């Protein structure tokens, strides 16, 4: 689990990811897995982003559904820990 709470809301998520320890740890191969990002993130070996249009529909649908669940979970956590 990794939380970066020091950034103001106007900072783009991709900048936060680039500068966080989690990004560096993935780059060094400390984790075996993947993160999901939206179109604002660069595609990296450990960071999966949607295909540009037109992409494989099944992948993009699965990616979108999974990210939606993650975003809902983050929303719930934010409401609990204001």
N, C-alpha and C. Protein backbone atom coordinates (compact mmCIF):
# COMPACT_ATOMS: atom_id res chain seq x y z
N UNK A 1 0.85 -1.17 0.00
CA UNK A 1 0.00 0.00 0.00
C UNK A 1 0.89 1.23 0.00
N UNK A 2 0.49 2.23 -0.75
CA UNK A 2 1.27 3.46 -0.84
C UNK A 2 0.31 4.63 -0.89
N UNK A 3 0.54 5.63 -0.06
CA UNK A 3 -0.29 6.84 -0.04
C UNK A 3 0.62 8.05 -0.16
N UNK A 4 0.31 8.92 -1.10
CA UNK A 4 1.03 10.19 -1.26
C UNK A 4 0.01 11.29 -1.01
N UNK A 5 0.06 11.89 0.17
CA UNK A 5 -0.94 12.89 0.55
C UNK A 5 -0.38 14.30 0.65
N UNK A 6 0.83 14.51 0.18
CA UNK A 6 1.46 15.82 0.35
C UNK A 6 1.20 16.79 -0.80
N UNK A 7 0.53 16.34 -1.86
CA UNK A 7 0.37 17.15 -3.07
C UNK A 7 -0.95 17.91 -3.06
N UNK A 8 -0.95 19.17 -3.53
CA UNK A 8 -2.22 19.89 -3.67
C UNK A 8 -3.07 19.28 -4.79
N UNK A 9 -4.35 19.54 -4.76
CA UNK A 9 -5.27 18.95 -5.72
C UNK A 9 -5.04 19.35 -7.16
N UNK A 10 -4.32 20.44 -7.40
CA UNK A 10 -4.11 20.90 -8.77
C UNK A 10 -2.97 20.17 -9.48
N UNK A 11 -2.21 19.35 -8.77
CA UNK A 11 -1.10 18.63 -9.37
C UNK A 11 -1.63 17.40 -10.09
N UNK A 12 -1.19 17.18 -11.34
CA UNK A 12 -1.67 16.06 -12.13
C UNK A 12 -1.17 14.74 -11.56
N UNK A 13 -2.02 13.73 -11.62
CA UNK A 13 -1.68 12.41 -11.08
C UNK A 13 -0.39 11.84 -11.66
N UNK A 14 -0.14 12.09 -12.95
CA UNK A 14 1.06 11.52 -13.57
C UNK A 14 2.33 12.13 -12.99
N UNK A 15 2.29 13.41 -12.60
CA UNK A 15 3.45 14.03 -11.96
C UNK A 15 3.68 13.42 -10.58
N UNK A 16 2.61 13.23 -9.85
CA UNK A 16 2.72 12.61 -8.53
C UNK A 16 3.31 11.21 -8.67
N UNK A 17 2.84 10.44 -9.64
CA UNK A 17 3.36 9.09 -9.83
C UNK A 17 4.85 9.12 -10.20
N UNK A 18 5.24 10.01 -11.10
CA UNK A 18 6.65 10.10 -11.51
C UNK A 18 7.57 10.37 -10.32
N UNK A 19 7.10 11.15 -9.37
CA UNK A 19 7.96 11.59 -8.27
C UNK A 19 7.78 10.78 -6.98
N UNK A 20 6.91 9.79 -6.99
CA UNK A 20 6.68 9.04 -5.76
C UNK A 20 7.61 7.83 -5.65
N UNK A 21 7.75 7.35 -4.44
CA UNK A 21 8.63 6.20 -4.21
C UNK A 21 8.10 4.93 -4.89
N UNK A 22 6.80 4.81 -5.03
CA UNK A 22 6.22 3.63 -5.65
C UNK A 22 6.68 3.48 -7.10
N UNK A 23 6.71 4.58 -7.83
CA UNK A 23 7.17 4.56 -9.22
C UNK A 23 8.61 4.07 -9.29
N UNK A 24 9.45 4.59 -8.42
CA UNK A 24 10.86 4.18 -8.40
C UNK A 24 11.02 2.71 -8.04
N UNK A 25 10.22 2.24 -7.13
CA UNK A 25 10.31 0.83 -6.72
C UNK A 25 9.85 -0.10 -7.84
N UNK A 26 8.83 0.28 -8.58
CA UNK A 26 8.43 -0.51 -9.74
C UNK A 26 9.54 -0.52 -10.79
N UNK A 27 10.16 0.65 -11.02
CA UNK A 27 11.23 0.75 -12.01
C UNK A 27 12.42 -0.13 -11.65
N UNK A 28 12.69 -0.29 -10.36
CA UNK A 28 13.80 -1.13 -9.91
C UNK A 28 13.44 -2.62 -9.88
N UNK A 29 12.18 -2.94 -10.16
CA UNK A 29 11.76 -4.33 -10.19
C UNK A 29 11.45 -4.92 -8.83
N UNK A 30 11.16 -4.08 -7.85
CA UNK A 30 10.85 -4.56 -6.51
C UNK A 30 9.47 -5.20 -6.41
N UNK A 31 8.60 -4.91 -7.36
CA UNK A 31 7.25 -5.45 -7.34
C UNK A 31 7.01 -6.26 -8.60
N UNK A 32 6.22 -7.29 -8.48
CA UNK A 32 5.81 -8.10 -9.62
C UNK A 32 4.32 -7.87 -9.80
N UNK A 33 3.95 -7.02 -10.70
CA UNK A 33 2.53 -6.72 -10.90
C UNK A 33 2.37 -5.50 -11.79
N UNK A 34 1.15 -5.00 -11.83
CA UNK A 34 0.82 -3.88 -12.70
C UNK A 34 -0.04 -2.87 -11.96
N UNK A 35 0.05 -1.63 -12.41
CA UNK A 35 -0.84 -0.57 -11.97
C UNK A 35 -1.68 -0.15 -13.17
N UNK A 36 -2.88 0.34 -12.91
CA UNK A 36 -3.74 0.84 -13.98
C UNK A 36 -3.74 2.35 -13.97
N UNK A 37 -3.56 2.94 -15.13
CA UNK A 37 -3.62 4.39 -15.25
C UNK A 37 -4.54 4.79 -16.38
N UNK A 38 -4.96 6.05 -16.36
CA UNK A 38 -5.81 6.53 -17.45
C UNK A 38 -4.94 7.09 -18.58
N UNK A 39 -5.57 7.77 -19.53
CA UNK A 39 -4.86 8.26 -20.71
C UNK A 39 -3.82 9.32 -20.36
N UNK A 40 -3.89 9.91 -19.18
CA UNK A 40 -2.95 10.94 -18.79
C UNK A 40 -1.59 10.41 -18.36
N UNK A 41 -1.48 9.12 -18.20
CA UNK A 41 -0.22 8.51 -17.78
C UNK A 41 0.53 7.95 -18.98
N UNK A 42 1.86 7.94 -18.90
CA UNK A 42 2.62 7.28 -19.97
C UNK A 42 2.53 5.77 -19.80
N UNK A 43 2.50 5.05 -20.89
CA UNK A 43 2.48 3.59 -20.82
C UNK A 43 3.89 3.12 -20.46
N UNK A 44 4.01 2.36 -19.39
CA UNK A 44 5.28 1.83 -18.91
C UNK A 44 5.10 0.34 -18.66
N UNK A 45 6.19 -0.42 -18.52
CA UNK A 45 6.05 -1.86 -18.32
C UNK A 45 5.16 -2.25 -17.14
N UNK A 46 5.14 -1.45 -16.08
CA UNK A 46 4.34 -1.79 -14.91
C UNK A 46 3.09 -0.92 -14.79
N UNK A 47 2.86 -0.02 -15.75
CA UNK A 47 1.72 0.90 -15.69
C UNK A 47 0.91 0.75 -16.97
N UNK A 48 -0.24 0.10 -16.86
CA UNK A 48 -1.08 -0.17 -18.03
C UNK A 48 -2.06 0.98 -18.25
N UNK A 49 -2.09 1.47 -19.46
CA UNK A 49 -3.01 2.53 -19.84
C UNK A 49 -3.89 2.02 -20.98
N UNK A 50 -5.04 2.66 -21.22
CA UNK A 50 -5.90 2.22 -22.32
C UNK A 50 -5.20 2.38 -23.66
N UNK A 51 -5.58 1.54 -24.62
CA UNK A 51 -5.07 1.67 -25.97
C UNK A 51 -5.63 2.95 -26.58
N UNK A 52 -4.84 3.61 -27.45
CA UNK A 52 -5.40 4.76 -28.16
C UNK A 52 -6.49 4.27 -29.12
N UNK A 53 -7.43 5.15 -29.44
CA UNK A 53 -8.51 4.77 -30.35
C UNK A 53 -7.98 4.42 -31.72
N UNK A 54 -8.47 3.42 -32.39
CA UNK A 54 -9.30 2.36 -31.84
C UNK A 54 -8.42 1.26 -31.26
N UNK A 55 -8.70 0.87 -30.06
CA UNK A 55 -7.93 -0.18 -29.41
C UNK A 55 -8.73 -1.45 -29.29
N UNK A 56 -8.10 -2.49 -28.76
CA UNK A 56 -8.84 -3.75 -28.54
C UNK A 56 -9.98 -3.51 -27.55
N UNK A 57 -11.18 -3.69 -28.00
CA UNK A 57 -12.35 -3.32 -27.21
C UNK A 57 -12.42 -4.08 -25.89
N UNK A 58 -12.15 -5.36 -25.88
CA UNK A 58 -12.28 -6.14 -24.64
C UNK A 58 -11.29 -5.65 -23.58
N UNK A 59 -10.06 -5.34 -23.99
CA UNK A 59 -9.07 -4.82 -23.03
C UNK A 59 -9.54 -3.50 -22.45
N UNK A 60 -9.96 -2.58 -23.32
CA UNK A 60 -10.37 -1.26 -22.84
C UNK A 60 -11.59 -1.33 -21.93
N UNK A 61 -12.54 -2.21 -22.22
CA UNK A 61 -13.72 -2.36 -21.38
C UNK A 61 -13.31 -2.90 -20.01
N UNK A 62 -12.47 -3.93 -19.99
CA UNK A 62 -12.01 -4.50 -18.71
C UNK A 62 -11.19 -3.48 -17.93
N UNK A 63 -10.34 -2.75 -18.62
CA UNK A 63 -9.52 -1.71 -17.99
C UNK A 63 -10.41 -0.64 -17.36
N UNK A 64 -11.40 -0.17 -18.11
CA UNK A 64 -12.31 0.87 -17.65
C UNK A 64 -13.11 0.41 -16.43
N UNK A 65 -13.63 -0.79 -16.47
CA UNK A 65 -14.42 -1.32 -15.34
C UNK A 65 -13.57 -1.45 -14.09
N UNK A 66 -12.35 -1.93 -14.25
CA UNK A 66 -11.47 -2.09 -13.11
C UNK A 66 -11.09 -0.74 -12.51
N UNK A 67 -10.75 0.21 -13.37
CA UNK A 67 -10.40 1.55 -12.88
C UNK A 67 -11.59 2.21 -12.20
N UNK A 68 -12.80 1.99 -12.71
CA UNK A 68 -13.99 2.57 -12.09
C UNK A 68 -14.16 2.06 -10.66
N UNK A 69 -13.92 0.77 -10.45
CA UNK A 69 -14.00 0.20 -9.09
C UNK A 69 -12.94 0.82 -8.17
N UNK A 70 -11.75 1.00 -8.72
CA UNK A 70 -10.67 1.61 -7.92
C UNK A 70 -11.04 3.04 -7.56
N UNK A 71 -11.53 3.82 -8.53
CA UNK A 71 -11.91 5.21 -8.27
C UNK A 71 -13.04 5.29 -7.25
N UNK A 72 -14.00 4.36 -7.31
CA UNK A 72 -15.08 4.35 -6.31
C UNK A 72 -14.51 4.07 -4.92
N UNK A 73 -13.59 3.15 -4.83
CA UNK A 73 -12.96 2.81 -3.55
C UNK A 73 -12.20 4.01 -2.99
N UNK A 74 -11.47 4.70 -3.85
CA UNK A 74 -10.75 5.89 -3.41
C UNK A 74 -11.74 6.95 -2.91
N UNK A 75 -12.85 7.11 -3.59
CA UNK A 75 -13.88 8.05 -3.15
C UNK A 75 -14.42 7.70 -1.77
N UNK A 76 -14.63 6.43 -1.52
CA UNK A 76 -15.12 5.99 -0.21
C UNK A 76 -14.07 6.29 0.87
N UNK A 77 -12.81 6.00 0.56
CA UNK A 77 -11.75 6.28 1.53
C UNK A 77 -11.62 7.77 1.81
N UNK A 78 -11.73 8.60 0.77
CA UNK A 78 -11.66 10.05 0.95
C UNK A 78 -12.79 10.55 1.84
N UNK A 79 -13.99 9.98 1.67
CA UNK A 79 -15.11 10.43 2.49
C UNK A 79 -14.96 9.99 3.95
N UNK A 80 -14.27 8.89 4.18
CA UNK A 80 -14.05 8.42 5.55
C UNK A 80 -12.93 9.17 6.26
N UNK A 81 -11.96 9.64 5.52
CA UNK A 81 -10.77 10.28 6.10
C UNK A 81 -10.59 11.68 5.52
N UNK A 82 -11.54 12.55 5.81
CA UNK A 82 -11.48 13.92 5.28
C UNK A 82 -10.40 14.66 6.01
